[in-house]
C-alpha atoms as a PDB file:
ATOM      1  CA  MET A   1     -13.380 -11.340  12.584  1.00  0.00           C
ATOM      2  CA  ILE A   2     -12.565 -13.032   9.299  1.00  0.00           C
ATOM      3  CA  GLU A   3     -15.437 -13.292   6.883  1.00  0.00           C
ATOM      4  CA  ARG A   4     -15.614 -16.535   4.913  1.00  0.00           C
ATOM      5  CA  PHE A   5     -17.026 -16.892   1.437  1.00  0.00           C
ATOM      6  CA  ASP A   6     -18.260 -20.002  -0.337  1.00  0.00           C
ATOM      7  CA  TRP A   7     -16.414 -19.585  -3.632  1.00  0.00           C
ATOM      8  CA  SER A   8     -18.588 -22.193  -5.338  1.00  0.00           C
ATOM      9  CA  ASP A   9     -21.641 -19.968  -4.805  1.00  0.00           C
ATOM     10  CA  ALA A  10     -21.995 -17.207  -7.422  1.00  0.00           C
ATOM     11  CA  ALA A  11     -23.675 -14.756  -5.028  1.00  0.00           C
ATOM     12  CA  SER A  12     -20.964 -15.279  -2.428  1.00  0.00           C
ATOM     13  CA  ARG A  13     -18.260 -14.758  -5.071  1.00  0.00           C
ATOM     14  CA  LYS A  14     -19.957 -11.561  -6.229  1.00  0.00           C
ATOM     15  CA  ALA A  15     -20.107 -10.245  -2.651  1.00  0.00           C
ATOM     16  CA  ALA A  16     -16.423 -11.058  -2.087  1.00  0.00           C
ATOM     17  CA  LEU A  17     -15.358  -9.262  -5.252  1.00  0.00           C
ATOM     18  CA  ALA A  18     -17.666  -6.255  -4.884  1.00  0.00           C
ATOM     19  CA  ARG A  19     -16.157  -2.794  -4.745  1.00  0.00           C
ATOM     20  CA  PRO A  20     -15.882  -1.429  -1.211  1.00  0.00           C
ATOM     21  CA  ARG A  21     -18.793   0.654  -0.021  1.00  0.00           C
ATOM     22  CA  GLY A  22     -18.185   4.355   0.293  1.00  0.00           C
ATOM     23  CA  ARG A  23     -16.553   4.921  -3.082  1.00  0.00           C
ATOM     24  CA  ASP A  24     -19.352   7.350  -3.907  1.00  0.00           C
ATOM     25  CA  ASP A  25     -19.360   9.020  -0.488  1.00  0.00           C
ATOM     26  CA  ALA A  26     -18.211  12.595  -1.201  1.00  0.00           C
ATOM     27  CA  ALA A  27     -17.364  13.298   2.453  1.00  0.00           C
ATOM     28  CA  LEU A  28     -15.272  10.142   2.729  1.00  0.00           C
ATOM     29  CA  LEU A  29     -13.451  10.861  -0.526  1.00  0.00           C
ATOM     30  CA  ALA A  30     -12.751  14.442   0.593  1.00  0.00           C
ATOM     31  CA  SER A  31     -11.404  13.200   3.925  1.00  0.00           C
ATOM     32  CA  VAL A  32      -9.104  10.660   2.271  1.00  0.00           C
ATOM     33  CA  SER A  33      -7.937  13.247  -0.277  1.00  0.00           C
ATOM     34  CA  ALA A  34      -7.093  15.658   2.545  1.00  0.00           C
ATOM     35  CA  ILE A  35      -5.039  12.988   4.329  1.00  0.00           C
ATOM     36  CA  VAL A  36      -3.104  12.134   1.154  1.00  0.00           C
ATOM     37  CA  ALA A  37      -2.508  15.815   0.370  1.00  0.00           C
ATOM     38  CA  ASP A  38      -1.278  16.463   3.919  1.00  0.00           C
ATOM     39  CA  ILE A  39       1.169  13.562   3.758  1.00  0.00           C
ATOM     40  CA  ARG A  40       2.414  14.595   0.315  1.00  0.00           C
ATOM     41  CA  LEU A  41       2.959  18.136   1.579  1.00  0.00           C
ATOM     42  CA  ARG A  42       4.524  17.445   4.981  1.00  0.00           C
ATOM     43  CA  GLY A  43       5.882  13.908   4.624  1.00  0.00           C
ATOM     44  CA  TRP A  44       6.759  11.731   7.593  1.00  0.00           C
ATOM     45  CA  PRO A  45       5.517  14.106  10.324  1.00  0.00           C
ATOM     46  CA  ALA A  46       2.087  14.212   8.679  1.00  0.00           C
ATOM     47  CA  LEU A  47       2.046  10.433   8.303  1.00  0.00           C
ATOM     48  CA  VAL A  48       2.813  10.036  12.012  1.00  0.00           C
ATOM     49  CA  GLU A  49       0.051  12.471  12.967  1.00  0.00           C
ATOM     50  CA  GLN A  50      -2.489  10.763  10.727  1.00  0.00           C
ATOM     51  CA  ALA A  51      -1.531   7.281  11.967  1.00  0.00           C
ATOM     52  CA  GLU A  52      -1.821   8.379  15.585  1.00  0.00           C
ATOM     53  CA  ARG A  53      -5.204   9.953  14.879  1.00  0.00           C
ATOM     54  CA  ILE A  54      -6.597   7.017  12.893  1.00  0.00           C
ATOM     55  CA  ASP A  55      -4.835   4.013  14.460  1.00  0.00           C
ATOM     56  CA  ALA A  56      -3.931   5.429  17.879  1.00  0.00           C
ATOM     57  CA  ALA A  57      -0.343   4.344  17.236  1.00  0.00           C
ATOM     58  CA  ALA A  58       2.662   5.890  15.552  1.00  0.00           C
ATOM     59  CA  PRO A  59       4.258   4.029  12.637  1.00  0.00           C
ATOM     60  CA  GLU A  60       7.812   2.820  13.011  1.00  0.00           C
ATOM     61  CA  LEU A  61      10.552   3.319  10.472  1.00  0.00           C
ATOM     62  CA  VAL A  62      11.886   0.004   9.270  1.00  0.00           C
ATOM     63  CA  ALA A  63      15.254  -0.172   7.568  1.00  0.00           C
ATOM     64  CA  VAL A  64      14.547  -2.197   4.439  1.00  0.00           C
ATOM     65  CA  ALA A  65      17.756  -1.426   2.524  1.00  0.00           C
ATOM     66  CA  PRO A  66      19.728  -4.322   4.041  1.00  0.00           C
ATOM     67  CA  PHE A  67      16.956  -6.788   3.191  1.00  0.00           C
ATOM     68  CA  ALA A  68      16.573  -5.374  -0.306  1.00  0.00           C
ATOM     69  CA  GLU A  69      20.316  -5.667  -0.913  1.00  0.00           C
ATOM     70  CA  GLN A  70      20.303  -9.261   0.314  1.00  0.00           C
ATOM     71  CA  ALA A  71      17.389 -10.061  -1.994  1.00  0.00           C
ATOM     72  CA  ARG A  72      19.130  -8.403  -4.956  1.00  0.00           C
ATOM     73  CA  ARG A  73      22.257 -10.489  -4.354  1.00  0.00           C
ATOM     74  CA  SER A  74      20.149 -13.661  -4.436  1.00  0.00           C
ATOM     75  CA  PHE A  75      18.849 -12.887  -7.975  1.00  0.00           C
ATOM     76  CA  PRO A  76      20.497 -14.644 -10.900  1.00  0.00           C
ATOM     77  CA  SER A  77      22.813 -12.346 -12.853  1.00  0.00           C
ATOM     78  CA  ALA A  78      20.366 -12.185 -15.779  1.00  0.00           C
ATOM     79  CA  THR A  79      17.673 -10.891 -13.434  1.00  0.00           C
ATOM     80  CA  GLN A  80      20.059  -8.343 -11.917  1.00  0.00           C
ATOM     81  CA  SER A  81      20.926  -7.132 -15.428  1.00  0.00           C
ATOM     82  CA  ALA A  82      17.246  -6.878 -16.373  1.00  0.00           C
ATOM     83  CA  VAL A  83      16.490  -4.844 -13.242  1.00  0.00           C
ATOM     84  CA  ALA A  84      19.451  -2.536 -13.903  1.00  0.00           C
ATOM     85  CA  LEU A  85      18.221  -2.001 -17.478  1.00  0.00           C
ATOM     86  CA  ALA A  86      14.699  -1.232 -16.218  1.00  0.00           C
ATOM     87  CA  VAL A  87      16.111   1.334 -13.787  1.00  0.00           C
ATOM     88  CA  ARG A  88      18.118   3.010 -16.570  1.00  0.00           C
ATOM     89  CA  ASN A  89      15.018   3.076 -18.798  1.00  0.00           C
ATOM     90  CA  ILE A  90      12.984   4.746 -16.061  1.00  0.00           C
ATOM     91  CA  GLU A  91      15.611   7.339 -15.180  1.00  0.00           C
END
Protein backbone atom coordinates (compact mmCIF):
# COMPACT_ATOMS: atom_id res chain seq x y z
CA MET A 1 0.00 0.00 0.00
CA ILE A 2 1.27 3.45 -0.88
CA GLU A 3 1.50 5.85 2.01
CA ARG A 4 0.52 9.44 1.22
CA PHE A 5 1.92 12.50 2.91
CA ASP A 6 0.49 16.00 3.10
CA TRP A 7 3.58 17.97 2.11
CA SER A 8 2.07 21.23 3.34
CA ASP A 9 2.01 19.84 6.89
CA ALA A 10 5.37 20.11 8.69
CA ALA A 11 4.82 16.97 10.79
CA SER A 12 3.90 14.95 7.72
CA ARG A 13 6.98 16.25 5.88
CA LYS A 14 9.18 15.33 8.84
CA ALA A 15 7.73 11.80 8.93
CA ALA A 16 8.28 11.37 5.18
CA LEU A 17 11.90 12.47 5.40
CA ALA A 18 12.76 10.60 8.60
CA ARG A 19 15.58 8.08 8.55
CA PRO A 20 14.36 4.49 8.28
CA ARG A 21 13.84 2.67 11.54
CA GLY A 22 16.35 -0.01 12.38
CA ARG A 23 19.51 1.96 11.64
CA ASP A 24 20.55 1.43 15.26
CA ASP A 25 19.49 -2.22 15.37
CA ALA A 26 22.78 -4.12 15.83
CA ALA A 27 21.26 -7.46 14.76
CA LEU A 28 19.81 -5.95 11.59
CA LEU A 29 23.07 -4.20 10.73
CA ALA A 30 25.02 -7.43 11.30
CA SER A 31 22.61 -9.35 9.07
CA VAL A 32 22.87 -6.80 6.26
CA SER A 33 26.67 -6.68 6.60
CA ALA A 34 26.82 -10.48 6.33
CA ILE A 35 24.72 -10.42 3.15
CA VAL A 36 26.92 -7.74 1.56
CA ALA A 37 30.11 -9.57 2.56
CA ASP A 38 28.78 -12.85 1.14
CA ILE A 39 27.91 -11.23 -2.18
CA ARG A 40 31.27 -9.45 -2.37
CA LEU A 41 33.04 -12.74 -1.69
CA ARG A 42 31.04 -15.10 -3.91
CA GLY A 43 29.45 -12.77 -6.46
CA TRP A 44 26.46 -13.75 -8.57
CA PRO A 45 25.82 -17.16 -6.95
CA ALA A 46 25.59 -15.50 -3.53
CA LEU A 47 23.29 -12.80 -4.90
CA VAL A 48 20.98 -15.47 -6.34
CA GLU A 49 20.91 -17.35 -3.03
CA GLN A 50 20.19 -14.21 -1.04
CA ALA A 51 17.46 -13.06 -3.45
CA GLU A 52 15.79 -16.46 -3.33
CA ARG A 53 15.95 -16.46 0.46
CA ILE A 54 14.71 -12.88 0.90
CA ASP A 55 12.41 -12.41 -2.11
CA ALA A 56 11.54 -16.03 -2.92
CA ALA A 57 12.64 -15.35 -6.49
CA ALA A 58 15.92 -15.49 -8.36
CA PRO A 59 17.15 -12.32 -10.07
CA GLU A 60 17.51 -12.33 -13.83
CA LEU A 61 20.53 -11.11 -15.73
CA VAL A 62 19.60 -8.27 -18.04
CA ALA A 63 21.89 -7.35 -20.90
CA VAL A 64 22.24 -3.59 -20.55
CA ALA A 65 25.23 -3.08 -22.86
CA PRO A 66 23.12 -2.66 -26.01
CA PHE A 67 20.92 -0.05 -24.32
CA ALA A 68 23.93 1.75 -22.87
CA GLU A 69 25.59 1.87 -26.29
CA GLN A 70 22.42 3.23 -27.87
CA ALA A 71 22.20 5.90 -25.17
CA ARG A 72 25.86 6.84 -25.64
CA ARG A 73 25.32 7.27 -29.38
CA SER A 74 22.43 9.65 -28.69
CA PHE A 75 24.68 12.03 -26.65
CA PRO A 76 26.01 15.13 -28.37
CA SER A 77 29.69 14.82 -29.28
CA ALA A 78 30.68 17.28 -26.53
CA THR A 79 29.00 15.06 -23.95
CA GLN A 80 30.68 11.95 -25.37
CA SER A 81 34.05 13.71 -25.14
CA ALA A 82 33.37 14.79 -21.55
CA VAL A 83 32.44 11.22 -20.56
CA ALA A 84 35.56 9.84 -22.26
CA LEU A 85 37.70 12.38 -20.37
CA ALA A 86 36.03 11.43 -17.07
CA VAL A 87 36.75 7.76 -17.74
CA ARG A 88 40.42 8.51 -18.48
CA ASN A 89 40.66 10.60 -15.29
CA ILE A 90 39.24 7.75 -13.22
CA GLU A 91 41.44 5.06 -14.74
